Amino acid sequence: MRVSWNPGELLADQAEELGRKKQAASREALRDAAEQFEALFVQMLLAEMRRTVAENDLLGDRRAEKLFQSMLDQEMAVNSSQAQSLGLAKLIYEQMSRYVPDDQD
């Protein structure tokens, strides 16, 4: 059985799902979307950095290792955007928050 794994789809799907919600736009939803965008950016950055490392066939077929690395990249991206942000989410939030109405409690 073959499993197609594309880790970028998971974060992208989450961001699209957040955008499709039919609830009123709120600043909290904007903050979540900005953090998810930053996580997606960091994940793509990590994936491109891994592509620059030369591969060798010393250990044979490395499908499992590549799967693990892609899952690790995704988790590192999500954790880094939540814990110690690059600042991209903050900039996106500040730019877009003027177009979103205040939260109504």
N, C-alpha and C. Protein backbone atom coordinates (compact mmCIF):
# COMPACT_ATOMS: atom_id res chain seq x y z
N MET A 1 0.85 -1.18 0.00
CA MET A 1 0.00 0.00 0.00
C MET A 1 0.88 1.24 0.00
N ARG A 2 0.55 2.17 -0.84
CA ARG A 2 1.32 3.40 -0.96
C ARG A 2 0.57 4.54 -0.28
N VAL A 3 1.30 5.30 0.48
CA VAL A 3 0.71 6.45 1.16
C VAL A 3 1.37 7.70 0.60
N SER A 4 0.54 8.60 0.13
CA SER A 4 1.06 9.87 -0.37
C SER A 4 1.08 10.86 0.78
N TRP A 5 2.25 11.37 1.09
CA TRP A 5 2.38 12.28 2.22
C TRP A 5 2.98 13.58 1.74
N ASN A 6 2.22 14.63 1.88
CA ASN A 6 2.71 15.96 1.56
C ASN A 6 2.43 16.84 2.77
N PRO A 7 3.42 17.09 3.61
CA PRO A 7 3.17 17.82 4.86
C PRO A 7 2.69 19.24 4.65
N GLY A 8 3.01 19.83 3.51
CA GLY A 8 2.53 21.18 3.26
C GLY A 8 1.03 21.26 3.13
N GLU A 9 0.41 20.16 2.72
CA GLU A 9 -1.03 20.15 2.56
C GLU A 9 -1.74 20.31 3.89
N LEU A 10 -1.18 19.77 4.96
CA LEU A 10 -1.86 19.83 6.24
C LEU A 10 -1.99 21.27 6.74
N LEU A 11 -0.91 22.01 6.75
CA LEU A 11 -0.98 23.39 7.20
C LEU A 11 -1.80 24.25 6.23
N ALA A 12 -1.65 23.99 4.94
CA ALA A 12 -2.42 24.75 3.96
C ALA A 12 -3.90 24.45 4.11
N ASP A 13 -4.25 23.19 4.35
CA ASP A 13 -5.65 22.83 4.55
C ASP A 13 -6.22 23.51 5.78
N GLN A 14 -5.44 23.56 6.84
CA GLN A 14 -5.91 24.22 8.07
C GLN A 14 -6.15 25.70 7.82
N ALA A 15 -5.26 26.34 7.08
CA ALA A 15 -5.42 27.76 6.79
C ALA A 15 -6.64 28.01 5.91
N GLU A 16 -6.85 27.14 4.92
CA GLU A 16 -8.02 27.29 4.05
C GLU A 16 -9.31 27.06 4.83
N GLU A 17 -9.30 26.08 5.72
CA GLU A 17 -10.49 25.80 6.52
C GLU A 17 -10.84 27.00 7.40
N LEU A 18 -9.82 27.62 7.95
CA LEU A 18 -10.04 28.82 8.77
C LEU A 18 -10.65 29.93 7.93
N GLY A 19 -10.19 30.07 6.70
CA GLY A 19 -10.72 31.11 5.81
C GLY A 19 -12.13 30.82 5.35
N ARG A 20 -12.52 29.55 5.27
CA ARG A 20 -13.85 29.19 4.80
C ARG A 20 -14.93 29.26 5.87
N LYS A 21 -14.55 29.37 7.11
CA LYS A 21 -15.55 29.40 8.17
C LYS A 21 -16.50 30.57 7.93
N LYS A 22 -17.78 30.30 8.14
CA LYS A 22 -18.79 31.31 7.86
C LYS A 22 -19.15 32.11 9.10
N GLN A 23 -18.24 32.21 10.02
CA GLN A 23 -18.47 33.03 11.20
C GLN A 23 -18.00 34.45 10.92
N ALA A 24 -18.43 35.35 11.74
CA ALA A 24 -18.02 36.74 11.58
C ALA A 24 -16.51 36.84 11.78
N ALA A 25 -15.89 37.70 10.98
CA ALA A 25 -14.44 37.89 11.10
C ALA A 25 -14.13 38.48 12.46
N SER A 26 -13.10 37.99 13.06
CA SER A 26 -12.71 38.51 14.37
C SER A 26 -11.20 38.63 14.43
N ARG A 27 -10.76 39.39 15.37
CA ARG A 27 -9.32 39.59 15.53
C ARG A 27 -8.62 38.30 15.97
N GLU A 28 -9.31 37.48 16.76
CA GLU A 28 -8.72 36.22 17.19
C GLU A 28 -8.53 35.28 16.00
N ALA A 29 -9.50 35.24 15.10
CA ALA A 29 -9.38 34.42 13.89
C ALA A 29 -8.24 34.95 13.01
N LEU A 30 -8.10 36.26 12.95
CA LEU A 30 -7.02 36.86 12.18
C LEU A 30 -5.66 36.49 12.79
N ARG A 31 -5.57 36.52 14.10
CA ARG A 31 -4.32 36.16 14.78
C ARG A 31 -3.97 34.69 14.48
N ASP A 32 -4.97 33.82 14.55
CA ASP A 32 -4.73 32.40 14.24
C ASP A 32 -4.27 32.22 12.79
N ALA A 33 -4.92 32.92 11.88
CA ALA A 33 -4.55 32.81 10.47
C ALA A 33 -3.13 33.33 10.23
N ALA A 34 -2.77 34.41 10.90
CA ALA A 34 -1.42 34.96 10.75
C ALA A 34 -0.37 33.99 11.29
N GLU A 35 -0.66 33.34 12.44
CA GLU A 35 0.27 32.36 12.99
C GLU A 35 0.38 31.14 12.08
N GLN A 36 -0.73 30.71 11.50
CA GLN A 36 -0.69 29.57 10.59
C GLN A 36 0.09 29.91 9.32
N PHE A 37 -0.05 31.13 8.85
CA PHE A 37 0.71 31.54 7.68
C PHE A 37 2.20 31.54 7.98
N GLU A 38 2.56 32.05 9.15
CA GLU A 38 3.97 32.04 9.53
C GLU A 38 4.49 30.62 9.66
N ALA A 39 3.69 29.72 10.23
CA ALA A 39 4.10 28.32 10.36
C ALA A 39 4.29 27.68 8.98
N LEU A 40 3.40 27.98 8.06
CA LEU A 40 3.53 27.46 6.70
C LEU A 40 4.80 27.99 6.04
N PHE A 41 5.08 29.27 6.24
CA PHE A 41 6.29 29.88 5.70
C PHE A 41 7.55 29.21 6.26
N VAL A 42 7.57 29.00 7.57
CA VAL A 42 8.74 28.38 8.21
C VAL A 42 8.89 26.94 7.73
N GLN A 43 7.78 26.23 7.56
CA GLN A 43 7.86 24.85 7.08
C GLN A 43 8.43 24.80 5.67
N MET A 44 7.99 25.70 4.81
CA MET A 44 8.53 25.74 3.45
C MET A 44 10.01 26.12 3.47
N LEU A 45 10.39 27.00 4.36
CA LEU A 45 11.79 27.39 4.51
C LEU A 45 12.65 26.20 4.93
N LEU A 46 12.17 25.43 5.91
CA LEU A 46 12.90 24.25 6.36
C LEU A 46 13.01 23.21 5.24
N ALA A 47 11.93 23.01 4.50
CA ALA A 47 11.95 22.03 3.40
C ALA A 47 12.96 22.42 2.34
N GLU A 48 13.01 23.69 2.00
CA GLU A 48 13.99 24.15 1.00
C GLU A 48 15.41 24.05 1.52
N MET A 49 15.61 24.30 2.81
CA MET A 49 16.94 24.17 3.38
C MET A 49 17.39 22.71 3.35
N ARG A 50 16.48 21.78 3.61
CA ARG A 50 16.83 20.35 3.56
C ARG A 50 17.20 19.91 2.15
N ARG A 51 16.58 20.53 1.15
CA ARG A 51 16.89 20.16 -0.23
C ARG A 51 18.31 20.51 -0.63
N THR A 52 18.92 21.45 0.07
CA THR A 52 20.28 21.87 -0.28
C THR A 52 21.34 20.89 0.24
N VAL A 53 20.95 20.01 1.18
CA VAL A 53 21.89 19.05 1.74
C VAL A 53 22.02 17.87 0.77
N ALA A 54 23.25 17.53 0.46
CA ALA A 54 23.48 16.42 -0.48
C ALA A 54 23.02 15.10 0.13
N GLU A 55 22.40 14.26 -0.71
CA GLU A 55 21.94 12.95 -0.25
C GLU A 55 22.94 11.89 -0.66
N ASN A 56 23.02 10.84 0.14
CA ASN A 56 23.85 9.69 -0.23
C ASN A 56 23.04 8.42 -0.02
N ASP A 57 23.47 7.34 -0.62
CA ASP A 57 22.74 6.08 -0.55
C ASP A 57 23.38 5.11 0.44
N LEU A 58 24.05 5.62 1.43
CA LEU A 58 24.71 4.78 2.41
C LEU A 58 23.72 3.91 3.15
N LEU A 59 22.57 4.47 3.52
CA LEU A 59 21.57 3.71 4.28
C LEU A 59 20.48 3.14 3.39
N GLY A 60 20.63 3.22 2.10
CA GLY A 60 19.63 2.66 1.19
C GLY A 60 18.45 3.59 1.00
N ASP A 61 17.30 2.99 0.78
CA ASP A 61 16.07 3.75 0.54
C ASP A 61 15.70 4.53 1.79
N ARG A 62 15.47 5.81 1.65
CA ARG A 62 15.27 6.68 2.81
C ARG A 62 13.85 7.25 2.87
N ARG A 63 12.86 6.52 2.38
CA ARG A 63 11.50 7.05 2.39
C ARG A 63 11.00 7.32 3.80
N ALA A 64 11.26 6.40 4.71
CA ALA A 64 10.81 6.58 6.10
C ALA A 64 11.49 7.78 6.74
N GLU A 65 12.78 7.95 6.46
CA GLU A 65 13.50 9.09 7.02
C GLU A 65 12.95 10.41 6.47
N LYS A 66 12.65 10.43 5.18
CA LYS A 66 12.10 11.65 4.59
C LYS A 66 10.72 11.95 5.15
N LEU A 67 9.92 10.93 5.39
CA LEU A 67 8.61 11.12 5.99
C LEU A 67 8.75 11.69 7.39
N PHE A 68 9.66 11.12 8.17
CA PHE A 68 9.89 11.62 9.52
C PHE A 68 10.38 13.06 9.49
N GLN A 69 11.30 13.37 8.58
CA GLN A 69 11.83 14.73 8.50
C GLN A 69 10.74 15.72 8.13
N SER A 70 9.85 15.34 7.23
CA SER A 70 8.78 16.26 6.85
C SER A 70 7.82 16.49 8.01
N MET A 71 7.53 15.43 8.77
CA MET A 71 6.66 15.60 9.94
C MET A 71 7.36 16.43 11.01
N LEU A 72 8.66 16.22 11.17
CA LEU A 72 9.43 17.00 12.13
C LEU A 72 9.47 18.47 11.72
N ASP A 73 9.66 18.74 10.43
CA ASP A 73 9.66 20.12 9.94
C ASP A 73 8.33 20.80 10.25
N GLN A 74 7.23 20.07 10.05
CA GLN A 74 5.92 20.66 10.31
C GLN A 74 5.76 20.99 11.79
N GLU A 75 6.13 20.08 12.66
CA GLU A 75 6.00 20.34 14.09
C GLU A 75 6.91 21.48 14.54
N MET A 76 8.14 21.50 14.02
CA MET A 76 9.05 22.59 14.38
C MET A 76 8.50 23.93 13.89
N ALA A 77 7.89 23.95 12.73
CA ALA A 77 7.32 25.18 12.19
C ALA A 77 6.18 25.68 13.05
N VAL A 78 5.29 24.79 13.43
CA VAL A 78 4.14 25.18 14.26
C VAL A 78 4.62 25.65 15.63
N ASN A 79 5.53 24.90 16.25
CA ASN A 79 6.03 25.28 17.57
C ASN A 79 6.81 26.59 17.53
N SER A 80 7.59 26.79 16.50
CA SER A 80 8.38 28.03 16.44
C SER A 80 7.49 29.24 16.19
N SER A 81 6.42 29.07 15.43
CA SER A 81 5.53 30.21 15.19
C SER A 81 4.72 30.55 16.43
N GLN A 82 4.48 29.57 17.30
CA GLN A 82 3.73 29.84 18.53
C GLN A 82 4.64 30.31 19.66
N ALA A 83 5.82 29.73 19.78
CA ALA A 83 6.70 30.03 20.91
C ALA A 83 7.56 31.27 20.67
N GLN A 84 8.35 31.23 19.64
CA GLN A 84 9.25 32.36 19.37
C GLN A 84 9.08 32.74 17.91
N SER A 85 8.16 33.60 17.69
CA SER A 85 7.78 34.00 16.34
C SER A 85 8.91 34.73 15.63
N LEU A 86 8.92 34.61 14.30
CA LEU A 86 9.85 35.38 13.50
C LEU A 86 9.42 36.85 13.40
N GLY A 87 8.19 37.09 13.74
CA GLY A 87 7.64 38.43 13.64
C GLY A 87 6.75 38.61 12.43
N LEU A 88 6.71 37.62 11.57
CA LEU A 88 5.88 37.69 10.37
C LEU A 88 4.40 37.71 10.74
N ALA A 89 3.99 36.86 11.68
CA ALA A 89 2.59 36.81 12.11
C ALA A 89 2.16 38.15 12.71
N LYS A 90 3.04 38.75 13.48
CA LYS A 90 2.73 40.04 14.11
C LYS A 90 2.54 41.12 13.05
N LEU A 91 3.41 41.14 12.05
CA LEU A 91 3.30 42.14 10.99
C LEU A 91 2.01 41.95 10.18
N ILE A 92 1.69 40.70 9.87
CA ILE A 92 0.46 40.42 9.12
C ILE A 92 -0.75 40.86 9.94
N TYR A 93 -0.74 40.52 11.23
CA TYR A 93 -1.86 40.89 12.09
C TYR A 93 -2.02 42.41 12.17
N GLU A 94 -0.92 43.11 12.35
CA GLU A 94 -0.99 44.57 12.45
C GLU A 94 -1.49 45.20 11.16
N GLN A 95 -1.07 44.67 10.02
CA GLN A 95 -1.50 45.23 8.74
C GLN A 95 -2.98 44.94 8.46
N MET A 96 -3.42 43.74 8.79
CA MET A 96 -4.78 43.33 8.43
C MET A 96 -5.82 43.66 9.49
N SER A 97 -5.42 43.93 10.72
CA SER A 97 -6.38 44.15 11.80
C SER A 97 -7.22 45.41 11.59
N ARG A 98 -6.73 46.34 10.82
CA ARG A 98 -7.52 47.56 10.59
C ARG A 98 -8.74 47.29 9.71
N TYR A 99 -8.76 46.14 9.03
CA TYR A 99 -9.89 45.78 8.16
C TYR A 99 -10.88 44.84 8.84
N VAL A 100 -10.58 44.45 10.07
CA VAL A 100 -11.43 43.50 10.80
C VAL A 100 -12.12 44.24 11.94
N PRO A 101 -13.43 44.05 12.09
CA PRO A 101 -14.13 44.72 13.19
C PRO A 101 -13.69 44.16 14.53
N ASP A 102 -13.86 44.95 15.58
CA ASP A 102 -13.51 44.51 16.93
C ASP A 102 -14.38 43.33 17.33
N ASP A 103 -13.82 42.46 18.19
CA ASP A 103 -14.58 41.31 18.70
C ASP A 103 -15.75 41.80 19.53
N GLN A 104 -16.89 41.19 19.33
CA GLN A 104 -18.09 41.52 20.10
C GLN A 104 -18.30 40.42 21.13
N ASP A 105 -18.14 40.72 22.40
CA ASP A 105 -18.31 39.71 23.46
C ASP A 105 -19.72 39.71 23.98
